Structure formats: C-alpha cells, structure tokens
Amino acid sequence: MADLIVKAAVKDALDNMNVASDFYEALDEEVAELLEDAARRASENDRKTVQPRDL
C-alpha cells in the first residue's frame, strides 16, 4: 500500500516533538483503517461518495 501520510507534515504538526521512525508506519495503518471504515459506511448507505459523517 502507498503511504497515506506525509512525514514532513506530521513532523511539522508535532512541533518540537521527536518522532520515532516506526510512528509513521503505525499512523499510516490507522489512517488506512479509517478510510476503509468510511468507505464501508458510505457503501452501506448506497453512496459512492465518502462524506465527513462516514468518519
């Protein structure tokens, strides 16, 4: 699977915090799960458009 997050943006968002290298992989997996769940909810509601309420 392609990376879903931008490492530089994550690092910027966390300001002066250090970020462990394996954090990015874990975050990417969490984002992938969120997207899968949102797509499933949209599909269950007979929509092909994922909307904020699907999160």
C-alpha atoms as a PDB file:
ATOM      1  CA  MET A   1       0.000   0.000   0.000  1.00  0.00           C
ATOM      2  CA  ALA A   2       1.159   3.525  -0.724  1.00  0.00           C
ATOM      3  CA  ASP A   3       1.990   5.859   2.123  1.00  0.00           C
ATOM      4  CA  LEU A   4      -1.129   7.804   3.044  1.00  0.00           C
ATOM      5  CA  ILE A   5       0.581  10.379   5.208  1.00  0.00           C
ATOM      6  CA  VAL A   6       3.233  12.987   4.506  1.00  0.00           C
ATOM      7  CA  LYS A   7       6.037  12.568   7.008  1.00  0.00           C
ATOM      8  CA  ALA A   8       7.121  16.206   6.821  1.00  0.00           C
ATOM      9  CA  ALA A   9       3.567  17.381   7.550  1.00  0.00           C
ATOM     10  CA  VAL A  10       3.314  15.055  10.549  1.00  0.00           C
ATOM     11  CA  LYS A  11       6.639  16.285  11.885  1.00  0.00           C
ATOM     12  CA  ASP A  12       5.536  19.919  11.416  1.00  0.00           C
ATOM     13  CA  ALA A  13       2.215  19.250  13.165  1.00  0.00           C
ATOM     14  CA  LEU A  14       4.001  17.778  16.161  1.00  0.00           C
ATOM     15  CA  ASP A  15       6.097  20.941  16.540  1.00  0.00           C
ATOM     16  CA  ASN A  16       9.137  20.399  18.728  1.00  0.00           C
ATOM     17  CA  MET A  17       8.478  16.715  19.428  1.00  0.00           C
ATOM     18  CA  ASN A  18      10.758  13.961  18.241  1.00  0.00           C
ATOM     19  CA  VAL A  19       9.045  11.339  16.089  1.00  0.00           C
ATOM     20  CA  ALA A  20      10.109   7.693  16.196  1.00  0.00           C
ATOM     21  CA  SER A  21      10.610   6.189  12.759  1.00  0.00           C
ATOM     22  CA  ASP A  22       8.039   3.437  13.391  1.00  0.00           C
ATOM     23  CA  PHE A  23       5.405   6.036  14.377  1.00  0.00           C
ATOM     24  CA  TYR A  24       4.815   6.899  10.724  1.00  0.00           C
ATOM     25  CA  GLU A  25       4.004   3.293   9.829  1.00  0.00           C
ATOM     26  CA  ALA A  26       1.588   2.972  12.754  1.00  0.00           C
ATOM     27  CA  LEU A  27      -0.109   6.252  11.827  1.00  0.00           C
ATOM     28  CA  ASP A  28      -0.361   5.170   8.195  1.00  0.00           C
ATOM     29  CA  GLU A  29      -2.092   1.949   9.293  1.00  0.00           C
ATOM     30  CA  GLU A  30      -4.567   3.907  11.443  1.00  0.00           C
ATOM     31  CA  VAL A  31      -5.390   6.209   8.519  1.00  0.00           C
ATOM     32  CA  ALA A  32      -5.883   3.197   6.236  1.00  0.00           C
ATOM     33  CA  GLU A  33      -8.348   1.702   8.740  1.00  0.00           C
ATOM     34  CA  LEU A  34     -10.261   4.993   8.958  1.00  0.00           C
ATOM     35  CA  LEU A  35     -10.541   5.135   5.173  1.00  0.00           C
ATOM     36  CA  GLU A  36     -11.698   1.534   4.904  1.00  0.00           C
ATOM     37  CA  ASP A  37     -14.352   2.095   7.573  1.00  0.00           C
ATOM     38  CA  ALA A  38     -15.553   5.303   5.912  1.00  0.00           C
ATOM     39  CA  ALA A  39     -15.797   3.601   2.520  1.00  0.00           C
ATOM     40  CA  ARG A  40     -17.732   0.705   4.068  1.00  0.00           C
ATOM     41  CA  ARG A  41     -20.211   3.079   5.738  1.00  0.00           C
ATOM     42  CA  ALA A  42     -20.756   5.010   2.510  1.00  0.00           C
ATOM     43  CA  SER A  43     -21.304   1.764   0.628  1.00  0.00           C
ATOM     44  CA  GLU A  44     -23.749   0.504   3.261  1.00  0.00           C
ATOM     45  CA  ASN A  45     -25.744   3.694   2.705  1.00  0.00           C
ATOM     46  CA  ASP A  46     -25.797   3.131  -1.070  1.00  0.00           C
ATOM     47  CA  ARG A  47     -23.410   6.002  -1.746  1.00  0.00           C
ATOM     48  CA  LYS A  48     -20.222   6.108  -3.781  1.00  0.00           C
ATOM     49  CA  THR A  49     -19.225   9.398  -2.206  1.00  0.00           C
ATOM     50  CA  VAL A  50     -17.452   9.260   1.144  1.00  0.00           C
ATOM     51  CA  GLN A  51     -18.615  12.106   3.343  1.00  0.00           C
ATOM     52  CA  PRO A  52     -17.391  13.534   6.664  1.00  0.00           C
ATOM     53  CA  ARG A  53     -20.184  11.764   8.502  1.00  0.00           C
ATOM     54  CA  ASP A  54     -18.650   8.436   7.427  1.00  0.00           C
ATOM     55  CA  LEU A  55     -15.723   9.065   9.722  1.00  0.00           C
END
